[in-house]
Amino acid sequence: MAEVLPGRMEEVRRILKSFTNGDPTTGPLAFSKIPTVHFARLFTIEETSDLDGNPLPGRLVFMSDIDAPLDKYVDDLFEAGGDALDGVFECCEGFPATRPLTNADRAAFLRHHMVEPAAMYVNTVGRTAEQVHQEAELRNAIEGFLDRPEHDFSQLSAREVQARIRDYVESQEGMRWSRIPAARPSPAWRIRETLHLVAVPLLLLILLPVLIVVLPIWIVLIRIHELRDESSSEKPDEGRVQELAALEDHVVQNQFTAMGYMKPGPVRRLTTIVLLWLANYGTRHVFNRGRLTGVKTIHFARWVFLDDKKRLVFVSNYDGSLESYMDDFIDKVAWGLNAIFSNGVGYPKTSWLVRGGATNEQMFKDFLRVRQLPTEFWYSAYPQLTAQNIENNAHIRAGLFANLNEREAEEWLRRL
């Protein structure tokens, strides 16, 4: 995230628009050449002021959801679109003035401007972009094999059909990789994650005597703040809605970017910090296998603080329309939305932090639309695959060479 130089914001937006018009393979930002990228976006944040009237600079934000390692991605990024990134980032404070630029100069700039998310959600931890592509190709190849007019499987058992499919896949040189189970993260990574999984509950257990004293006080303070809160009755501008809608529903996935001011005061600030810390623990260790408290359509999501935690940005990559996405959250996890987003200015009134709020459906949807930002450049590595498609393809790969009984083979075949 970098500050845009005064007077250069329109130039930045013009450049981002030119990226959008480019081909993902041969255009200025050829992300499809980078095998570790799932999603990427560039967007701008207007120059404005905070709630006290202090100026806040305009910003350019670059986010990407990638496989490890980071160093390799940065190198690939410059190879695929270094000149294009130079063109947009040179409109920002601190971009190197020396020419010719080296990749070391570019990397130093990006690393200096990196911002850690307060919380991050990954649909399935450990599933790489290469795996997603390969398993989609595998499924398509099997479908093509089954659809051949000369094949008649009606008299075969499910296990016999599975065996025929397996024989076909083994005969194809380019698909023999499917015999090998999908790679898991390294042992060192799994050990670190296990230590973190255990350490946080132990820390909370140690702090339990303090929490028993502090929590009732905090609950009372939150309720006092809620009684003083005012909901926003602001309606989204129709022209703005049309501008945002023009960026949506081009493929089976969509992007969402929104930003809002945090309610002033230490109680709201500390509440948001703690709840996002807990949310990050949950998404890291609990909700990391295809669903976020019941919502199965999200690929990646992030919460990022701005301006010394005066503002919060939320971004996500999800399946389906924005309307169905918001309905999913309202129906399945309104309490979670309330717990975090009720600390933002203008959010529908809540009661005891988790009640009310998003259940006021129209006010909640207006709140989001008013704070939504245009995602001026967005890239998806697999624009025709939903999260459910990806999960289903992974099961097809896992079951292909498994020793299944007749019932299990029938269930496996239903995935095709």
Protein backbone atom coordinates (compact mmCIF):
# COMPACT_ATOMS: atom_id res chain seq x y z
CA MET A 1 0.00 0.00 0.00
CA ALA A 2 1.56 3.31 -1.11
CA GLU A 3 0.59 6.97 -0.94
CA VAL A 4 -0.26 8.47 -4.33
CA LEU A 5 1.61 11.68 -5.13
CA PRO A 6 -0.55 14.84 -5.14
CA GLY A 7 -2.28 15.33 -8.48
CA ARG A 8 -1.48 11.82 -9.78
CA MET A 9 -4.62 9.91 -8.76
CA GLU A 10 -6.38 10.23 -12.12
CA GLU A 11 -3.24 9.01 -13.86
CA VAL A 12 -3.17 5.98 -11.56
CA ARG A 13 -6.79 5.17 -12.38
CA ARG A 14 -6.17 5.55 -16.10
CA ILE A 15 -3.27 3.08 -15.88
CA LEU A 16 -5.33 0.60 -13.87
CA LYS A 17 -8.07 0.79 -16.49
CA SER A 18 -5.51 -0.05 -19.18
CA PHE A 19 -4.53 -3.14 -17.14
CA THR A 20 -8.15 -4.26 -17.05
CA ASN A 21 -8.39 -4.00 -20.82
CA GLY A 22 -5.31 -6.17 -21.24
CA ASP A 23 -5.21 -9.92 -21.80
CA PRO A 24 -4.19 -11.90 -18.66
CA THR A 25 -1.68 -13.84 -20.77
CA THR A 26 -0.14 -11.14 -22.94
CA GLY A 27 -1.35 -7.89 -21.35
CA PRO A 28 0.70 -5.48 -19.26
CA LEU A 29 0.06 -7.50 -16.09
CA ALA A 30 0.22 -11.10 -17.29
CA PHE A 31 -0.66 -12.76 -13.99
CA SER A 32 -1.57 -15.99 -15.76
CA LYS A 33 2.16 -16.49 -16.37
CA ILE A 34 2.72 -16.72 -12.62
CA PRO A 35 1.80 -20.26 -11.52
CA THR A 36 1.39 -19.41 -7.83
CA VAL A 37 -1.28 -16.68 -8.11
CA HIS A 38 -4.93 -17.38 -7.23
CA PHE A 39 -6.33 -13.82 -7.24
CA ALA A 40 -4.91 -10.30 -7.51
CA ARG A 41 -6.31 -6.78 -7.38
CA LEU A 42 -5.24 -3.16 -7.54
CA PHE A 43 -7.51 -0.39 -6.30
CA THR A 44 -7.34 3.20 -5.13
CA ILE A 45 -8.50 4.96 -1.98
CA GLU A 46 -9.48 8.61 -2.30
CA GLU A 47 -7.67 11.41 -0.50
CA THR A 48 -9.91 12.45 2.38
CA SER A 49 -9.85 13.38 6.08
CA ASP A 50 -10.41 11.43 9.29
CA LEU A 51 -13.27 11.97 11.72
CA ASP A 52 -11.30 14.80 13.39
CA GLY A 53 -10.67 16.59 10.11
CA ASN A 54 -7.02 15.54 9.75
CA PRO A 55 -5.99 14.89 6.13
CA LEU A 56 -5.55 11.33 4.89
CA PRO A 57 -3.61 10.80 1.65
CA GLY A 58 -4.85 8.99 -1.43
CA ARG A 59 -3.56 5.45 -1.68
CA LEU A 60 -2.83 2.71 -4.18
CA VAL A 61 -3.39 -0.81 -2.84
CA PHE A 62 -2.07 -4.02 -4.42
CA MET A 63 -3.28 -7.34 -2.98
CA SER A 64 -2.65 -10.85 -4.22
CA ASP A 65 -3.52 -14.30 -2.88
CA ILE A 66 -0.59 -16.56 -3.62
CA ASP A 67 1.17 -19.79 -2.76
CA ALA A 68 4.40 -19.73 -0.81
CA PRO A 69 7.22 -18.83 -1.06
CA LEU A 70 6.91 -15.04 -1.28
CA ASP A 71 10.41 -14.41 -2.68
CA LYS A 72 9.75 -16.60 -5.72
CA TYR A 73 6.44 -14.82 -6.34
CA VAL A 74 8.08 -11.38 -6.24
CA ASP A 75 10.64 -12.49 -8.84
CA ASP A 76 7.92 -13.94 -11.07
CA LEU A 77 5.84 -10.78 -10.63
CA PHE A 78 8.57 -8.57 -12.03
CA GLU A 79 9.15 -10.94 -14.95
CA ALA A 80 5.43 -10.96 -15.83
CA GLY A 81 4.64 -7.29 -15.29
CA GLY A 82 7.55 -5.30 -13.89
CA ASP A 83 7.27 -2.47 -16.42
CA ALA A 84 3.52 -2.16 -15.85
CA LEU A 85 3.98 -2.03 -12.08
CA ASP A 86 6.71 0.57 -12.50
CA GLY A 87 4.31 2.72 -14.48
CA VAL A 88 1.69 2.80 -11.74
CA PHE A 89 3.92 2.80 -8.66
CA GLU A 90 6.06 5.66 -9.93
CA CYS A 91 2.95 7.78 -9.22
CA CYS A 92 3.49 6.99 -5.52
CA GLU A 93 5.66 8.41 -2.74
CA GLY A 94 9.03 6.73 -2.28
CA PHE A 95 9.25 4.86 -5.58
CA PRO A 96 12.92 4.65 -6.64
CA ALA A 97 14.00 7.46 -8.96
CA THR A 98 17.11 5.67 -10.20
CA ARG A 99 17.10 4.34 -13.77
CA PRO A 100 17.41 1.67 -14.94
CA LEU A 101 15.46 0.00 -12.15
CA THR A 102 16.64 -3.34 -10.88
CA ASN A 103 14.42 -6.07 -9.44
CA ALA A 104 16.18 -5.49 -6.13
CA ASP A 105 14.98 -1.84 -6.20
CA ARG A 106 11.41 -2.94 -6.95
CA ALA A 107 11.44 -5.63 -4.28
CA ALA A 108 12.77 -3.21 -1.67
CA PHE A 109 9.95 -0.76 -2.45
CA LEU A 110 7.24 -3.42 -2.23
CA ARG A 111 8.60 -4.91 0.98
CA HIS A 112 8.86 -1.47 2.59
CA HIS A 113 5.19 -0.86 1.82
CA MET A 114 3.86 -4.28 2.85
CA VAL A 115 0.99 -4.22 5.33
CA GLU A 116 0.06 -7.23 7.46
CA PRO A 117 -3.64 -8.15 7.50
CA ALA A 118 -5.41 -8.11 10.86
CA ALA A 119 -7.13 -11.34 9.77
CA MET A 120 -7.11 -13.51 6.67
CA TYR A 121 -9.30 -16.33 5.41
CA VAL A 122 -8.10 -19.03 3.00
CA ASN A 123 -10.75 -21.43 1.74
CA THR A 124 -8.51 -24.51 1.96
CA VAL A 125 -5.06 -24.07 3.45
CA GLY A 126 -2.41 -25.94 1.46
CA ARG A 127 -4.27 -26.18 -1.86
CA THR A 128 -2.08 -24.60 -4.52
CA ALA A 129 -3.10 -22.82 -7.71
CA GLU A 130 -1.34 -25.53 -9.72
CA GLN A 131 -3.41 -28.18 -7.93
CA VAL A 132 -6.64 -26.32 -8.73
CA HIS A 133 -5.76 -26.19 -12.43
CA GLN A 134 -4.58 -29.79 -12.62
CA GLU A 135 -7.63 -31.22 -10.88
CA ALA A 136 -9.95 -29.21 -13.13
CA GLU A 137 -8.15 -30.62 -16.19
CA LEU A 138 -8.41 -34.13 -14.74
CA ARG A 139 -12.14 -33.82 -14.25
CA ASN A 140 -12.64 -32.46 -17.77
CA ALA A 141 -10.59 -35.30 -19.24
CA ILE A 142 -12.61 -37.92 -17.36
CA GLU A 143 -15.87 -36.28 -18.44
CA GLY A 144 -14.69 -36.36 -22.05
CA PHE A 145 -13.79 -40.04 -21.74
CA LEU A 146 -17.19 -40.94 -20.27
CA ASP A 147 -19.06 -38.95 -22.94
CA ARG A 148 -17.53 -40.78 -25.88
CA PRO A 149 -20.37 -42.30 -27.94
CA GLU A 150 -18.62 -45.68 -28.24
CA HIS A 151 -18.63 -46.18 -24.47
CA ASP A 152 -21.51 -47.96 -22.75
CA PHE A 153 -21.13 -48.37 -19.00
CA SER A 154 -24.75 -49.22 -18.25
CA GLN A 155 -24.03 -52.89 -17.51
CA LEU A 156 -20.99 -52.24 -15.32
CA SER A 157 -20.83 -51.86 -11.57
CA ALA A 158 -19.63 -48.60 -10.06
CA ARG A 159 -16.27 -50.15 -9.18
CA GLU A 160 -15.86 -51.42 -12.74
CA VAL A 161 -16.56 -47.96 -14.12
CA GLN A 162 -14.01 -46.51 -11.70
CA ALA A 163 -11.48 -49.09 -12.93
CA ARG A 164 -12.14 -48.13 -16.56
CA ILE A 165 -11.62 -44.47 -15.74
CA ARG A 166 -8.45 -45.30 -13.84
CA ASP A 167 -7.09 -47.29 -16.79
CA TYR A 168 -7.82 -44.39 -19.11
CA VAL A 169 -6.08 -41.85 -16.87
CA GLU A 170 -3.05 -44.10 -16.47
CA SER A 171 -2.79 -44.37 -20.25
CA GLN A 172 -2.51 -40.60 -20.58
CA GLU A 173 1.08 -39.43 -20.14
CA GLY A 174 0.04 -35.95 -19.07
CA MET A 175 -2.22 -37.14 -16.24
CA ARG A 176 -0.03 -39.65 -14.46
CA TRP A 177 0.62 -37.04 -11.79
CA SER A 178 -2.87 -37.83 -10.46
CA ARG A 179 -1.58 -41.12 -9.00
CA ILE A 180 0.36 -39.10 -6.44
CA PRO A 181 -1.68 -37.60 -3.57
CA ALA A 182 -1.77 -33.80 -3.46
CA ALA A 183 1.28 -32.38 -1.72
CA ARG A 184 0.92 -31.26 1.87
CA PRO A 185 2.62 -28.25 3.45
CA SER A 186 6.11 -28.93 4.77
CA PRO A 187 6.60 -30.62 8.18
CA ALA A 188 8.25 -27.45 9.52
CA TRP A 189 5.17 -25.40 8.57
CA ARG A 190 2.81 -27.94 10.14
CA ILE A 191 4.84 -27.93 13.36
CA ARG A 192 4.69 -24.12 13.55
CA GLU A 193 0.95 -24.18 12.96
CA THR A 194 0.44 -26.83 15.66
CA LEU A 195 2.45 -24.78 18.14
CA HIS A 196 0.31 -21.72 17.34
CA LEU A 197 -2.87 -23.79 17.60
CA VAL A 198 -1.92 -24.83 21.14
CA ALA A 199 -0.26 -21.62 22.29
CA VAL A 200 -3.27 -19.32 21.94
CA PRO A 201 -5.65 -21.43 24.13
CA LEU A 202 -2.85 -21.77 26.69
CA LEU A 203 -2.39 -18.01 26.72
CA LEU A 204 -6.13 -17.47 27.21
CA LEU A 205 -6.09 -20.05 30.02
CA ILE A 206 -3.27 -18.18 31.76
CA LEU A 207 -5.18 -14.92 31.37
CA LEU A 208 -8.47 -16.45 32.54
CA PRO A 209 -8.41 -14.84 36.04
CA VAL A 210 -7.94 -11.43 34.43
CA LEU A 211 -10.57 -12.10 31.76
CA ILE A 212 -13.14 -13.08 34.39
CA VAL A 213 -12.75 -9.61 35.91
CA VAL A 214 -12.41 -7.65 32.68
CA LEU A 215 -15.13 -9.26 30.54
CA PRO A 216 -18.15 -8.09 32.56
CA ILE A 217 -16.78 -4.55 32.57
CA TRP A 218 -16.12 -4.71 28.84
CA ILE A 219 -19.66 -6.02 28.15
CA VAL A 220 -21.18 -3.13 30.11
CA LEU A 221 -18.98 -0.58 28.30
CA ILE A 222 -19.93 -2.03 24.91
CA ARG A 223 -23.61 -1.83 25.80
CA ILE A 224 -23.24 1.81 26.88
CA HIS A 225 -21.58 2.61 23.56
CA GLU A 226 -24.32 0.79 21.66
CA LEU A 227 -27.03 2.84 23.34
CA ARG A 228 -25.25 6.00 22.20
CA ASP A 229 -24.62 4.76 18.64
CA GLU A 230 -26.41 6.18 15.65
CA SER A 231 -27.14 4.09 12.58
CA SER A 232 -26.56 5.58 9.17
CA SER A 233 -29.64 6.14 7.04
CA GLU A 234 -27.44 6.97 4.04
CA LYS A 235 -28.52 5.36 0.80
CA PRO A 236 -26.01 4.39 -1.89
CA ASP A 237 -25.89 6.77 -4.83
CA GLU A 238 -27.53 5.13 -7.84
CA GLY A 239 -24.74 6.19 -10.17
CA ARG A 240 -22.17 4.73 -7.82
CA VAL A 241 -24.12 1.47 -7.60
CA GLN A 242 -24.16 1.24 -11.40
CA GLU A 243 -20.41 1.87 -11.51
CA LEU A 244 -19.82 -0.93 -9.00
CA ALA A 245 -22.28 -3.28 -10.70
CA ALA A 246 -20.43 -2.83 -14.00
CA LEU A 247 -17.40 -4.52 -12.40
CA GLU A 248 -19.40 -7.52 -11.19
CA ASP A 249 -20.87 -10.75 -12.62
CA HIS A 250 -18.50 -11.24 -15.55
CA VAL A 251 -17.44 -14.74 -14.45
CA VAL A 252 -18.70 -17.20 -11.82
CA GLN A 253 -16.73 -15.35 -9.14
CA ASN A 254 -16.82 -11.77 -7.95
CA GLN A 255 -14.63 -9.39 -5.99
CA PHE A 256 -15.63 -7.19 -3.09
CA THR A 257 -13.71 -4.27 -1.58
CA ALA A 258 -15.07 -2.02 1.17
CA MET A 259 -13.64 0.49 3.63
CA GLY A 260 -15.07 2.32 6.62
CA TYR A 261 -14.13 4.46 9.60
CA MET A 262 -13.76 2.88 13.03
CA LYS A 263 -15.88 4.36 15.81
CA PRO A 264 -13.68 6.59 17.96
CA GLY A 265 -12.50 5.67 21.43
CA PRO A 266 -10.36 2.96 23.01
CA VAL A 267 -13.25 0.55 23.72
CA ARG A 268 -14.25 0.16 20.08
CA ARG A 269 -10.63 0.15 18.91
CA LEU A 270 -9.53 -2.55 21.36
CA THR A 271 -12.68 -4.59 20.69
CA THR A 272 -11.96 -4.66 16.96
CA ILE A 273 -8.30 -5.56 17.46
CA VAL A 274 -9.12 -8.45 19.80
CA LEU A 275 -12.02 -9.80 17.73
CA LEU A 276 -10.00 -9.75 14.52
CA TRP A 277 -7.15 -11.49 16.35
CA LEU A 278 -9.57 -14.20 17.43
CA ALA A 279 -11.10 -14.33 13.95
CA ASN A 280 -7.65 -14.81 12.45
CA TYR A 281 -7.02 -17.69 14.85
CA GLY A 282 -10.32 -19.26 13.81
CA THR A 283 -9.71 -18.89 10.08
CA ARG A 284 -6.16 -20.17 10.50
CA HIS A 285 -6.96 -23.33 12.45
CA VAL A 286 -10.70 -24.05 12.41
CA PHE A 287 -12.35 -22.60 9.30
CA ASN A 288 -9.62 -23.66 6.87
CA ARG A 289 -11.35 -26.48 5.02
CA GLY A 290 -13.84 -24.93 2.66
CA ARG A 291 -16.30 -23.04 4.84
CA LEU A 292 -16.36 -19.90 6.95
CA THR A 293 -18.92 -20.63 9.67
CA GLY A 294 -21.26 -22.18 7.12
CA VAL A 295 -20.47 -19.91 4.16
CA LYS A 296 -18.90 -22.04 1.40
CA THR A 297 -18.59 -19.52 -1.42
CA ILE A 298 -15.52 -17.53 -0.28
CA HIS A 299 -12.12 -18.26 -1.80
CA PHE A 300 -10.04 -15.66 0.09
CA ALA A 301 -10.78 -12.71 2.38
CA ARG A 302 -8.78 -10.14 4.37
CA TRP A 303 -9.30 -7.46 6.97
CA VAL A 304 -6.63 -4.72 6.97
CA PHE A 305 -6.31 -1.71 9.28
CA LEU A 306 -5.41 1.71 7.83
CA ASP A 307 -4.25 5.02 9.30
CA ASP A 308 -3.26 3.86 12.78
CA LYS A 309 -6.45 1.76 12.97
CA LYS A 310 -8.77 4.66 12.17
CA ARG A 311 -10.14 2.79 9.15
CA LEU A 312 -10.64 -0.84 8.18
CA VAL A 313 -10.56 -2.38 4.69
CA PHE A 314 -12.30 -5.68 3.95
CA VAL A 315 -11.75 -7.54 0.68
CA SER A 316 -12.93 -10.91 -0.56
CA ASN A 317 -13.11 -13.16 -3.62
CA TYR A 318 -16.36 -15.11 -3.68
CA ASP A 319 -18.78 -17.04 -5.90
CA GLY A 320 -22.11 -15.81 -7.21
CA SER A 321 -23.73 -12.39 -7.05
CA LEU A 322 -23.15 -9.76 -4.39
CA GLU A 323 -26.79 -10.04 -3.37
CA SER A 324 -26.53 -13.78 -2.67
CA TYR A 325 -23.17 -13.22 -0.95
CA MET A 326 -24.68 -10.70 1.46
CA ASP A 327 -27.72 -12.93 2.02
CA ASP A 328 -25.40 -15.83 2.87
CA PHE A 329 -23.74 -13.82 5.60
CA ILE A 330 -26.98 -12.41 6.96
CA ASP A 331 -28.60 -15.85 7.14
CA LYS A 332 -25.63 -17.82 8.48
CA VAL A 333 -23.27 -15.56 10.36
CA ALA A 334 -24.98 -12.26 11.18
CA TRP A 335 -23.60 -12.45 14.73
CA GLY A 336 -20.05 -12.55 13.37
CA LEU A 337 -20.66 -9.58 11.09
CA ASN A 338 -22.09 -7.65 14.01
CA ALA A 339 -19.20 -8.46 16.35
CA ILE A 340 -16.60 -6.96 14.00
CA PHE A 341 -18.36 -4.47 11.72
CA SER A 342 -20.57 -2.92 14.41
CA ASN A 343 -17.39 -1.13 15.51
CA GLY A 344 -17.59 0.84 12.28
CA VAL A 345 -19.27 4.21 11.93
CA GLY A 346 -22.83 4.00 10.59
CA TYR A 347 -23.38 0.27 11.10
CA PRO A 348 -27.00 -0.71 11.92
CA LYS A 349 -27.58 -0.66 15.69
CA THR A 350 -26.64 -3.79 17.60
CA SER A 351 -27.55 -5.14 21.02
CA TRP A 352 -24.91 -6.84 23.16
CA LEU A 353 -22.57 -6.73 20.17
CA VAL A 354 -24.02 -9.75 18.31
CA ARG A 355 -27.78 -9.11 18.10
CA GLY A 356 -29.58 -6.82 15.64
CA GLY A 357 -27.20 -5.18 13.18
CA ALA A 358 -27.04 -7.26 9.98
CA THR A 359 -30.47 -8.76 10.65
CA ASN A 360 -31.80 -5.36 9.56
CA GLU A 361 -31.23 -6.56 6.01
CA GLN A 362 -31.78 -3.43 3.93
CA MET A 363 -29.86 -1.13 6.28
CA PHE A 364 -26.97 -3.60 6.30
CA LYS A 365 -26.89 -3.85 2.51
CA ASP A 366 -27.03 -0.06 2.18
CA PHE A 367 -24.18 0.19 4.70
CA LEU A 368 -22.01 -2.10 2.57
CA ARG A 369 -22.83 -0.50 -0.77
CA VAL A 370 -22.11 3.01 0.55
CA ARG A 371 -18.66 1.87 1.73
CA GLN A 372 -17.83 -0.34 -1.22
CA LEU A 373 -14.89 0.70 -3.39
CA PRO A 374 -14.44 -0.06 -7.10
CA THR A 375 -11.86 -2.80 -7.61
CA GLU A 376 -10.22 -1.15 -10.58
CA PHE A 377 -8.11 -4.14 -11.58
CA TRP A 378 -8.98 -7.74 -10.65
CA TYR A 379 -7.54 -11.07 -11.77
CA SER A 380 -8.74 -14.61 -11.15
CA ALA A 381 -6.57 -17.57 -12.12
CA TYR A 382 -9.61 -19.87 -12.53
CA PRO A 383 -12.61 -17.67 -13.38
CA GLN A 384 -14.95 -20.55 -14.27
CA LEU A 385 -14.48 -22.54 -11.04
CA THR A 386 -16.53 -22.03 -7.90
CA ALA A 387 -15.18 -23.03 -4.50
CA GLN A 388 -17.54 -26.02 -4.64
CA ASN A 389 -16.18 -27.01 -8.08
CA ILE A 390 -12.64 -26.89 -6.73
CA GLU A 391 -13.51 -28.98 -3.69
CA ASN A 392 -15.37 -31.50 -5.83
CA ASN A 393 -12.44 -31.82 -8.22
CA ALA A 394 -10.11 -32.48 -5.29
CA HIS A 395 -12.39 -35.35 -4.16
CA ILE A 396 -12.39 -36.79 -7.69
CA ARG A 397 -8.60 -36.82 -7.72
CA ALA A 398 -8.43 -38.31 -4.21
CA GLY A 399 -10.88 -41.12 -5.03
CA LEU A 400 -9.59 -42.03 -8.47
CA PHE A 401 -6.92 -44.47 -7.30
CA ALA A 402 -8.49 -45.26 -3.92
CA ASN A 403 -9.69 -48.77 -3.08
CA LEU A 404 -13.42 -48.02 -2.84
CA ASN A 405 -16.26 -50.40 -2.09
CA GLU A 406 -19.35 -50.40 -4.33
CA ARG A 407 -21.23 -47.77 -2.30
CA GLU A 408 -18.18 -45.50 -2.07
CA ALA A 409 -17.57 -45.90 -5.82
CA GLU A 410 -21.18 -44.88 -6.53
CA GLU A 411 -20.75 -41.77 -4.40
CA TRP A 412 -17.48 -40.99 -6.17
CA LEU A 413 -19.10 -41.33 -9.61
CA ARG A 414 -21.85 -38.88 -8.62
CA ARG A 415 -19.17 -36.21 -8.44
CA LEU A 416 -18.72 -36.48 -12.22
